[in-house]
Amino acid sequence: MDPATMIGIGLAVVIVIVANLLEGGDPTSMLLLPPMLLVIGGTLCIAFAGGTVSDSKLAIRGLKRAFTSKLPTSADLVPSIVSLADTARHKGLLALEESLHDIDDEFLVQGVTLAIDGVDPDEVREILESEILAKRADDKQAAKFWNDAGAYAPTIGIVGTVMGLVMVLEQLAEPEKLGHLIAAAFVATLWGVMSANLFFLPIAARLKRLSELEVARMELTIEGVSALQSGANPRVVAQKLRSLLPADQRVSEAA
């Protein structure tokens, strides 16, 4: 699991609390249920209204992925594909069937299985590229949900502040209550801006980045399967796949 999201959001929250304390504030004064319920609940409901039920399910799964997903890299696939290429070159594609049990990448297993079944290379590429397109669409929708939530939250916060100020105007006859009511009114704006920039938007950005890395891994797999079917020399396969890796992964893969 890559902890970047947990660390980043956690440290941002800590910094906000520390800054509040340094200014002589009380962090518990921000923990008011009405504005929190309005901003967070209202924002999620509006984001839900902007899509479909299936979109919301994708967003929930995406939220889990953002915090718990293992960071996908392509470098660890290269040795596996090169080994498969060596087997296919010397024993034929049918010999790869025994190797499928040792592969824990479902997309690679799917591609190799199609190759073993004798599917035309162009059709194999088309099928696997269609899988990538479907994945991109799902990932895009999951990220869009949280990005939309980040856009709605500040405005919902302003709605909460206006509601609070209306209550302030209703209490002008009791000046001793005005300070508390005004502070409570602006807490809604605080939660709107804070939830958008400390949670919703970072989650959307994280999902987009995970999608990019996963798609890059899948694209490398397609090139590997294509090389398997063509009977390419394993050394050539290794060089070709390494050329597709980002610079940092080339270094780690070579090591």
C-alpha atoms as a PDB file:
ATOM      1  CA  MET A   1       0.000   0.000   0.000  1.00  0.00           C
ATOM      2  CA  ASP A   2       1.291   3.450  -0.927  1.00  0.00           C
ATOM      3  CA  PRO A   3       0.662   5.769   2.065  1.00  0.00           C
ATOM      4  CA  ALA A   4       0.937   9.086   0.212  1.00  0.00           C
ATOM      5  CA  THR A   5      -2.779   9.908   0.504  1.00  0.00           C
ATOM      6  CA  MET A   6      -3.029   9.069   4.200  1.00  0.00           C
ATOM      7  CA  ILE A   7       0.165  10.954   5.018  1.00  0.00           C
ATOM      8  CA  GLY A   8      -0.713  13.994   2.929  1.00  0.00           C
ATOM      9  CA  ILE A   9      -4.274  14.426   4.199  1.00  0.00           C
ATOM     10  CA  GLY A  10      -3.277  13.586   7.776  1.00  0.00           C
ATOM     11  CA  LEU A  11      -0.455  16.149   7.818  1.00  0.00           C
ATOM     12  CA  ALA A  12      -2.683  18.790   6.227  1.00  0.00           C
ATOM     13  CA  VAL A  13      -5.278  18.311   8.983  1.00  0.00           C
ATOM     14  CA  VAL A  14      -2.554  18.495  11.651  1.00  0.00           C
ATOM     15  CA  ILE A  15      -1.198  21.723  10.140  1.00  0.00           C
ATOM     16  CA  VAL A  16      -4.671  23.288  10.174  1.00  0.00           C
ATOM     17  CA  ILE A  17      -5.120  22.352  13.850  1.00  0.00           C
ATOM     18  CA  VAL A  18      -1.657  23.613  14.824  1.00  0.00           C
ATOM     19  CA  ALA A  19      -2.188  26.889  12.951  1.00  0.00           C
ATOM     20  CA  ASN A  20      -5.494  27.337  14.768  1.00  0.00           C
ATOM     21  CA  LEU A  21      -3.823  26.746  18.120  1.00  0.00           C
ATOM     22  CA  LEU A  22      -0.974  29.167  17.334  1.00  0.00           C
ATOM     23  CA  GLU A  23      -3.540  31.861  16.610  1.00  0.00           C
ATOM     24  CA  GLY A  24      -5.110  31.247  20.014  1.00  0.00           C
ATOM     25  CA  GLY A  25      -8.119  29.385  18.690  1.00  0.00           C
ATOM     26  CA  ASP A  26      -9.857  26.266  19.935  1.00  0.00           C
ATOM     27  CA  PRO A  27      -9.995  23.428  17.336  1.00  0.00           C
ATOM     28  CA  THR A  28     -13.127  22.038  18.973  1.00  0.00           C
ATOM     29  CA  SER A  29     -14.969  25.220  17.972  1.00  0.00           C
ATOM     30  CA  MET A  30     -14.813  23.963  14.378  1.00  0.00           C
ATOM     31  CA  LEU A  31     -16.520  20.696  15.261  1.00  0.00           C
ATOM     32  CA  LEU A  32     -20.105  21.888  14.952  1.00  0.00           C
ATOM     33  CA  LEU A  33     -22.502  19.203  13.751  1.00  0.00           C
ATOM     34  CA  PRO A  34     -24.992  21.381  11.778  1.00  0.00           C
ATOM     35  CA  PRO A  35     -22.444  22.956   9.374  1.00  0.00           C
ATOM     36  CA  MET A  36     -20.524  19.666   9.056  1.00  0.00           C
ATOM     37  CA  LEU A  37     -23.722  17.797   8.217  1.00  0.00           C
ATOM     38  CA  LEU A  38     -24.828  20.458   5.747  1.00  0.00           C
ATOM     39  CA  VAL A  39     -21.508  20.695   3.915  1.00  0.00           C
ATOM     40  CA  ILE A  40     -20.411  17.060   3.818  1.00  0.00           C
ATOM     41  CA  GLY A  41     -23.861  15.499   3.530  1.00  0.00           C
ATOM     42  CA  GLY A  42     -25.158  18.116   1.106  1.00  0.00           C
ATOM     43  CA  THR A  43     -22.052  17.933  -1.073  1.00  0.00           C
ATOM     44  CA  LEU A  44     -22.171  14.144  -1.376  1.00  0.00           C
ATOM     45  CA  CYS A  45     -25.885  14.231  -2.186  1.00  0.00           C
ATOM     46  CA  ILE A  46     -25.390  16.837  -4.919  1.00  0.00           C
ATOM     47  CA  ALA A  47     -22.485  14.878  -6.400  1.00  0.00           C
ATOM     48  CA  PHE A  48     -24.712  11.790  -6.330  1.00  0.00           C
ATOM     49  CA  ALA A  49     -27.483  13.733  -8.094  1.00  0.00           C
ATOM     50  CA  GLY A  50     -25.080  14.658 -10.906  1.00  0.00           C
ATOM     51  CA  GLY A  51     -24.529  11.049 -11.963  1.00  0.00           C
ATOM     52  CA  THR A  52     -26.057   7.612 -11.691  1.00  0.00           C
ATOM     53  CA  VAL A  53     -26.213   5.010  -8.952  1.00  0.00           C
ATOM     54  CA  SER A  54     -23.500   2.989 -10.689  1.00  0.00           C
ATOM     55  CA  ASP A  55     -21.306   6.112 -10.809  1.00  0.00           C
ATOM     56  CA  SER A  56     -21.639   6.460  -7.049  1.00  0.00           C
ATOM     57  CA  LYS A  57     -20.694   2.813  -6.554  1.00  0.00           C
ATOM     58  CA  LEU A  58     -17.571   3.406  -8.637  1.00  0.00           C
ATOM     59  CA  ALA A  59     -16.780   6.459  -6.498  1.00  0.00           C
ATOM     60  CA  ILE A  60     -17.105   4.471  -3.260  1.00  0.00           C
ATOM     61  CA  ARG A  61     -14.825   1.750  -4.590  1.00  0.00           C
ATOM     62  CA  GLY A  62     -12.471   4.469  -5.780  1.00  0.00           C
ATOM     63  CA  LEU A  63     -12.370   5.985  -2.301  1.00  0.00           C
ATOM     64  CA  LYS A  64     -11.219   2.655  -0.891  1.00  0.00           C
ATOM     65  CA  ARG A  65      -8.618   2.321  -3.647  1.00  0.00           C
ATOM     66  CA  ALA A  66      -7.264   5.798  -2.949  1.00  0.00           C
ATOM     67  CA  PHE A  67      -6.342   4.848   0.603  1.00  0.00           C
ATOM     68  CA  THR A  68      -5.567   1.131   0.360  1.00  0.00           C
ATOM     69  CA  SER A  69      -4.471   0.396  -3.211  1.00  0.00           C
ATOM     70  CA  LYS A  70      -0.956  -0.864  -3.798  1.00  0.00           C
ATOM     71  CA  LEU A  71       0.914   1.484  -6.104  1.00  0.00           C
ATOM     72  CA  PRO A  72       0.994  -0.322  -9.475  1.00  0.00           C
ATOM     73  CA  THR A  73       4.306  -0.409 -11.330  1.00  0.00           C
ATOM     74  CA  SER A  74       5.221  -1.929 -14.660  1.00  0.00           C
ATOM     75  CA  ALA A  75       8.818  -2.952 -13.910  1.00  0.00           C
ATOM     76  CA  ASP A  76       7.879  -6.140 -12.059  1.00  0.00           C
ATOM     77  CA  LEU A  77       6.108  -7.447 -15.177  1.00  0.00           C
ATOM     78  CA  VAL A  78       9.210  -7.377 -17.361  1.00  0.00           C
ATOM     79  CA  PRO A  79      10.955 -10.473 -15.892  1.00  0.00           C
ATOM     80  CA  SER A  80       7.690 -12.458 -16.049  1.00  0.00           C
ATOM     81  CA  ILE A  81       7.032 -11.570 -19.671  1.00  0.00           C
ATOM     82  CA  VAL A  82      10.646 -12.216 -20.676  1.00  0.00           C
ATOM     83  CA  SER A  83      10.461 -15.638 -19.028  1.00  0.00           C
ATOM     84  CA  LEU A  84       7.251 -16.389 -20.925  1.00  0.00           C
ATOM     85  CA  ALA A  85       8.887 -15.215 -24.151  1.00  0.00           C
ATOM     86  CA  ASP A  86      11.796 -17.583 -23.574  1.00  0.00           C
ATOM     87  CA  THR A  87       9.424 -20.497 -22.983  1.00  0.00           C
ATOM     88  CA  ALA A  88       7.297 -19.643 -26.015  1.00  0.00           C
ATOM     89  CA  ARG A  89      10.363 -19.346 -28.254  1.00  0.00           C
ATOM     90  CA  HIS A  90      11.762 -22.741 -27.298  1.00  0.00           C
ATOM     91  CA  LYS A  91       8.631 -24.792 -26.578  1.00  0.00           C
ATOM     92  CA  GLY A  92       5.790 -22.965 -28.319  1.00  0.00           C
ATOM     93  CA  LEU A  93       2.808 -21.005 -27.042  1.00  0.00           C
ATOM     94  CA  LEU A  94       0.981 -24.066 -25.756  1.00  0.00           C
ATOM     95  CA  ALA A  95       3.783 -24.603 -23.219  1.00  0.00           C
ATOM     96  CA  LEU A  96       2.792 -21.334 -21.550  1.00  0.00           C
ATOM     97  CA  GLU A  97      -0.363 -22.896 -20.124  1.00  0.00           C
ATOM     98  CA  GLU A  98       1.599 -24.403 -17.240  1.00  0.00           C
ATOM     99  CA  SER A  99       3.078 -20.994 -16.426  1.00  0.00           C
ATOM    100  CA  LEU A 100      -0.292 -19.277 -15.981  1.00  0.00           C
ATOM    101  CA  HIS A 101      -0.605 -20.568 -12.402  1.00  0.00           C
ATOM    102  CA  ASP A 102       2.507 -18.588 -11.409  1.00  0.00           C
ATOM    103  CA  ILE A 103       1.202 -15.261 -12.771  1.00  0.00           C
ATOM    104  CA  ASP A 104      -0.765 -13.067 -10.367  1.00  0.00           C
ATOM    105  CA  ASP A 105      -1.612 -10.347 -12.906  1.00  0.00           C
ATOM    106  CA  GLU A 106      -5.124 -10.999 -14.259  1.00  0.00           C
ATOM    107  CA  PHE A 107      -4.667  -8.838 -17.338  1.00  0.00           C
ATOM    108  CA  LEU A 108      -1.470 -10.649 -18.324  1.00  0.00           C
ATOM    109  CA  VAL A 109      -3.168 -14.004 -17.741  1.00  0.00           C
ATOM    110  CA  GLN A 110      -6.034 -12.904 -19.995  1.00  0.00           C
ATOM    111  CA  GLY A 111      -3.657 -11.875 -22.768  1.00  0.00           C
ATOM    112  CA  VAL A 112      -1.537 -15.024 -22.564  1.00  0.00           C
ATOM    113  CA  THR A 113      -4.662 -17.189 -22.510  1.00  0.00           C
ATOM    114  CA  LEU A 114      -5.898 -15.570 -25.714  1.00  0.00           C
ATOM    115  CA  ALA A 115      -2.501 -16.183 -27.286  1.00  0.00           C
ATOM    116  CA  ILE A 116      -2.532 -19.841 -26.225  1.00  0.00           C
ATOM    117  CA  ASP A 117      -6.021 -20.240 -27.689  1.00  0.00           C
ATOM    118  CA  GLY A 118      -4.668 -19.165 -31.059  1.00  0.00           C
ATOM    119  CA  VAL A 119      -6.553 -15.883 -31.336  1.00  0.00           C
ATOM    120  CA  ASP A 120      -5.225 -13.645 -34.094  1.00  0.00           C
ATOM    121  CA  PRO A 121      -2.648 -11.117 -32.757  1.00  0.00           C
ATOM    122  CA  ASP A 122      -4.645  -8.153 -34.065  1.00  0.00           C
ATOM    123  CA  GLU A 123      -7.777  -9.446 -32.355  1.00  0.00           C
ATOM    124  CA  VAL A 124      -5.874 -10.026 -29.110  1.00  0.00           C
ATOM    125  CA  ARG A 125      -4.629  -6.449 -29.192  1.00  0.00           C
ATOM    126  CA  GLU A 126      -8.121  -5.168 -29.959  1.00  0.00           C
ATOM    127  CA  ILE A 127      -9.668  -7.128 -27.063  1.00  0.00           C
ATOM    128  CA  LEU A 128      -7.043  -5.986 -24.570  1.00  0.00           C
ATOM    129  CA  GLU A 129      -7.217  -2.372 -25.727  1.00  0.00           C
ATOM    130  CA  SER A 130     -10.991  -2.495 -25.264  1.00  0.00           C
ATOM    131  CA  GLU A 131     -10.379  -3.577 -21.664  1.00  0.00           C
ATOM    132  CA  ILE A 132      -8.173  -0.524 -21.208  1.00  0.00           C
ATOM    133  CA  LEU A 133     -10.821   1.781 -22.660  1.00  0.00           C
ATOM    134  CA  ALA A 134     -13.445   0.357 -20.282  1.00  0.00           C
ATOM    135  CA  LYS A 135     -11.110   0.770 -17.320  1.00  0.00           C
ATOM    136  CA  ARG A 136     -10.294   4.344 -18.250  1.00  0.00           C
ATOM    137  CA  ALA A 137     -13.992   5.175 -18.454  1.00  0.00           C
ATOM    138  CA  ASP A 138     -14.688   3.701 -14.994  1.00  0.00           C
ATOM    139  CA  ASP A 139     -11.664   5.409 -13.428  1.00  0.00           C
ATOM    140  CA  LYS A 140     -12.567   8.727 -15.030  1.00  0.00           C
ATOM    141  CA  GLN A 141     -16.090   8.566 -13.614  1.00  0.00           C
ATOM    142  CA  ALA A 142     -14.876   7.685 -10.106  1.00  0.00           C
ATOM    143  CA  ALA A 143     -12.444  10.614 -10.134  1.00  0.00           C
ATOM    144  CA  LYS A 144     -15.108  12.925 -11.576  1.00  0.00           C
ATOM    145  CA  PHE A 145     -17.440  12.229  -8.640  1.00  0.00           C
ATOM    146  CA  TRP A 146     -14.848  13.424  -6.114  1.00  0.00           C
ATOM    147  CA  ASN A 147     -13.737  16.286  -8.326  1.00  0.00           C
ATOM    148  CA  ASP A 148     -17.352  17.457  -8.578  1.00  0.00           C
ATOM    149  CA  ALA A 149     -17.693  17.160  -4.805  1.00  0.00           C
ATOM    150  CA  GLY A 150     -14.642  19.396  -4.457  1.00  0.00           C
ATOM    151  CA  ALA A 151     -16.288  21.964  -6.705  1.00  0.00           C
ATOM    152  CA  TYR A 152     -19.638  21.881  -4.876  1.00  0.00           C
ATOM    153  CA  ALA A 153     -18.365  21.927  -1.279  1.00  0.00           C
ATOM    154  CA  PRO A 154     -17.292  25.624  -1.041  1.00  0.00           C
ATOM    155  CA  THR A 155     -20.627  26.773  -2.458  1.00  0.00           C
ATOM    156  CA  ILE A 156     -22.563  24.559  -0.050  1.00  0.00           C
ATOM    157  CA  GLY A 157     -20.442  26.089   2.705  1.00  0.00           C
ATOM    158  CA  ILE A 158     -21.518  29.568   1.620  1.00  0.00           C
ATOM    159  CA  VAL A 159     -25.146  28.430   1.705  1.00  0.00           C
ATOM    160  CA  GLY A 160     -24.577  27.351   5.312  1.00  0.00           C
ATOM    161  CA  THR A 161     -23.009  30.698   6.150  1.00  0.00           C
ATOM    162  CA  VAL A 162     -25.918  32.628   4.658  1.00  0.00           C
ATOM    163  CA  MET A 163     -28.340  30.472   6.650  1.00  0.00           C
ATOM    164  CA  GLY A 164     -26.346  31.243   9.794  1.00  0.00           C
ATOM    165  CA  LEU A 165     -26.299  34.974   9.104  1.00  0.00           C
ATOM    166  CA  VAL A 166     -30.071  34.939   8.657  1.00  0.00           C
ATOM    167  CA  MET A 167     -30.287  33.509  12.181  1.00  0.00           C
ATOM    168  CA  VAL A 168     -27.919  36.254  13.367  1.00  0.00           C
ATOM    169  CA  LEU A 169     -30.222  38.933  11.994  1.00  0.00           C
ATOM    170  CA  GLU A 170     -33.130  37.312  13.784  1.00  0.00           C
ATOM    171  CA  GLN A 171     -31.264  37.659  17.101  1.00  0.00           C
ATOM    172  CA  LEU A 172     -30.251  41.334  16.879  1.00  0.00           C
ATOM    173  CA  ALA A 173     -32.373  42.049  19.937  1.00  0.00           C
ATOM    174  CA  GLU A 174     -30.032  39.829  21.991  1.00  0.00           C
ATOM    175  CA  PRO A 175     -26.468  41.129  21.360  1.00  0.00           C
ATOM    176  CA  GLU A 176     -24.890  38.630  23.772  1.00  0.00           C
ATOM    177  CA  LYS A 177     -25.731  35.802  21.352  1.00  0.00           C
ATOM    178  CA  LEU A 178     -24.412  37.435  18.202  1.00  0.00           C
ATOM    179  CA  GLY A 179     -20.723  36.494  18.612  1.00  0.00           C
ATOM    180  CA  HIS A 180     -21.415  32.790  18.901  1.00  0.00           C
ATOM    181  CA  LEU A 181     -23.948  32.815  16.060  1.00  0.00           C
ATOM    182  CA  ILE A 182     -21.634  34.696  13.675  1.00  0.00           C
ATOM    183  CA  ALA A 183     -18.743  32.337  14.441  1.00  0.00           C
ATOM    184  CA  ALA A 184     -20.967  29.316  13.897  1.00  0.00           C
ATOM    185  CA  ALA A 185     -22.162  30.778  10.587  1.00  0.00           C
ATOM    186  CA  PHE A 186     -18.637  31.040   9.186  1.00  0.00           C
ATOM    187  CA  VAL A 187     -17.738  27.518  10.276  1.00  0.00           C
ATOM    188  CA  ALA A 188     -19.847  26.293   7.339  1.00  0.00           C
ATOM    189  CA  THR A 189     -17.658  28.180   4.866  1.00  0.00           C
ATOM    190  CA  LEU A 190     -14.568  26.835   6.626  1.00  0.00           C
ATOM    191  CA  TRP A 191     -15.778  23.244   6.264  1.00  0.00           C
ATOM    192  CA  GLY A 192     -16.741  23.840   2.630  1.00  0.00           C
ATOM    193  CA  VAL A 193     -13.309  25.120   1.622  1.00  0.00           C
ATOM    194  CA  MET A 194     -11.427  22.723   3.899  1.00  0.00           C
ATOM    195  CA  SER A 195     -13.259  19.560   2.827  1.00  0.00           C
ATOM    196  CA  ALA A 196     -12.821  20.451  -0.840  1.00  0.00           C
ATOM    197  CA  ASN A 197      -9.083  21.134  -0.675  1.00  0.00           C
ATOM    198  CA  LEU A 198      -8.060  18.696   2.063  1.00  0.00           C
ATOM    199  CA  PHE A 199     -10.163  15.715   1.000  1.00  0.00           C
ATOM    200  CA  PHE A 200     -12.360  15.727  -2.116  1.00  0.00           C
ATOM    201  CA  LEU A 201      -9.895  17.193  -4.635  1.00  0.00           C
ATOM    202  CA  PRO A 202      -6.873  15.197  -3.376  1.00  0.00           C
ATOM    203  CA  ILE A 203      -8.915  11.974  -3.646  1.00  0.00           C
ATOM    204  CA  ALA A 204      -9.831  12.838  -7.246  1.00  0.00           C
ATOM    205  CA  ALA A 205      -6.200  13.570  -8.101  1.00  0.00           C
ATOM    206  CA  ARG A 206      -5.069  10.320  -6.461  1.00  0.00           C
ATOM    207  CA  LEU A 207      -7.561   8.255  -8.485  1.00  0.00           C
ATOM    208  CA  LYS A 208      -6.424   9.896 -11.723  1.00  0.00           C
ATOM    209  CA  ARG A 209      -2.798   9.082 -10.931  1.00  0.00           C
ATOM    210  CA  LEU A 210      -3.567   5.480  -9.996  1.00  0.00           C
ATOM    211  CA  SER A 211      -5.470   5.104 -13.259  1.00  0.00           C
ATOM    212  CA  GLU A 212      -2.505   6.423 -15.252  1.00  0.00           C
ATOM    213  CA  LEU A 213      -0.121   3.943 -13.609  1.00  0.00           C
ATOM    214  CA  GLU A 214      -2.496   0.995 -14.016  1.00  0.00           C
ATOM    215  CA  VAL A 215      -3.145   1.810 -17.676  1.00  0.00           C
ATOM    216  CA  ALA A 216       0.601   2.110 -18.326  1.00  0.00           C
ATOM    217  CA  ARG A 217       1.054  -1.362 -16.825  1.00  0.00           C
ATOM    218  CA  MET A 218      -1.722  -2.741 -19.025  1.00  0.00           C
ATOM    219  CA  GLU A 219      -0.252  -1.144 -22.153  1.00  0.00           C
ATOM    220  CA  LEU A 220       3.121  -2.711 -21.399  1.00  0.00           C
ATOM    221  CA  THR A 221       1.330  -6.052 -21.011  1.00  0.00           C
ATOM    222  CA  ILE A 222      -0.203  -5.696 -24.470  1.00  0.00           C
ATOM    223  CA  GLU A 223       3.231  -5.121 -25.997  1.00  0.00           C
ATOM    224  CA  GLY A 224       4.559  -8.130 -24.111  1.00  0.00           C
ATOM    225  CA  VAL A 225       1.771 -10.424 -25.304  1.00  0.00           C
ATOM    226  CA  SER A 226       2.260  -9.187 -28.865  1.00  0.00           C
ATOM    227  CA  ALA A 227       5.954 -10.035 -28.625  1.00  0.00           C
ATOM    228  CA  LEU A 228       5.086 -13.499 -27.298  1.00  0.00           C
ATOM    229  CA  GLN A 229       2.856 -14.208 -30.271  1.00  0.00           C
ATOM    230  CA  SER A 230       5.467 -13.026 -32.746  1.00  0.00           C
ATOM    231  CA  GLY A 231       8.102 -15.353 -31.267  1.00  0.00           C
ATOM    232  CA  ALA A 232      10.529 -12.486 -30.630  1.00  0.00           C
ATOM    233  CA  ASN A 233      13.914 -13.078 -29.047  1.00  0.00           C
ATOM    234  CA  PRO A 234      13.626 -12.752 -25.238  1.00  0.00           C
ATOM    235  CA  ARG A 235      16.497 -10.240 -25.138  1.00  0.00           C
ATOM    236  CA  VAL A 236      14.719  -8.081 -27.698  1.00  0.00           C
ATOM    237  CA  VAL A 237      11.491  -8.385 -25.702  1.00  0.00           C
ATOM    238  CA  ALA A 238      13.304  -7.273 -22.548  1.00  0.00           C
ATOM    239  CA  GLN A 239      14.843  -4.246 -24.286  1.00  0.00           C
ATOM    240  CA  LYS A 240      11.535  -3.263 -25.840  1.00  0.00           C
ATOM    241  CA  LEU A 241       9.628  -3.486 -22.567  1.00  0.00           C
ATOM    242  CA  ARG A 242      12.304  -1.624 -20.608  1.00  0.00           C
ATOM    243  CA  SER A 243      12.139   1.188 -23.141  1.00  0.00           C
ATOM    244  CA  LEU A 244       8.476   1.644 -22.182  1.00  0.00           C
ATOM    245  CA  LEU A 245       9.235   2.048 -18.472  1.00  0.00           C
ATOM    246  CA  PRO A 246       9.548   5.445 -16.751  1.00  0.00           C
ATOM    247  CA  ALA A 247      13.133   6.398 -15.914  1.00  0.00           C
ATOM    248  CA  ASP A 248      12.845   5.636 -12.189  1.00  0.00           C
ATOM    249  CA  GLN A 249      11.395   2.182 -12.853  1.00  0.00           C
ATOM    250  CA  ARG A 250      14.133   1.392 -15.360  1.00  0.00           C
ATOM    251  CA  VAL A 251      16.701   1.958 -12.643  1.00  0.00           C
ATOM    252  CA  SER A 252      14.877  -0.236 -10.104  1.00  0.00           C
ATOM    253  CA  GLU A 253      14.218  -2.954 -12.683  1.00  0.00           C
ATOM    254  CA  ALA A 254      17.862  -3.018 -13.732  1.00  0.00           C
ATOM    255  CA  ALA A 255      18.927  -3.286 -10.082  1.00  0.00           C
END
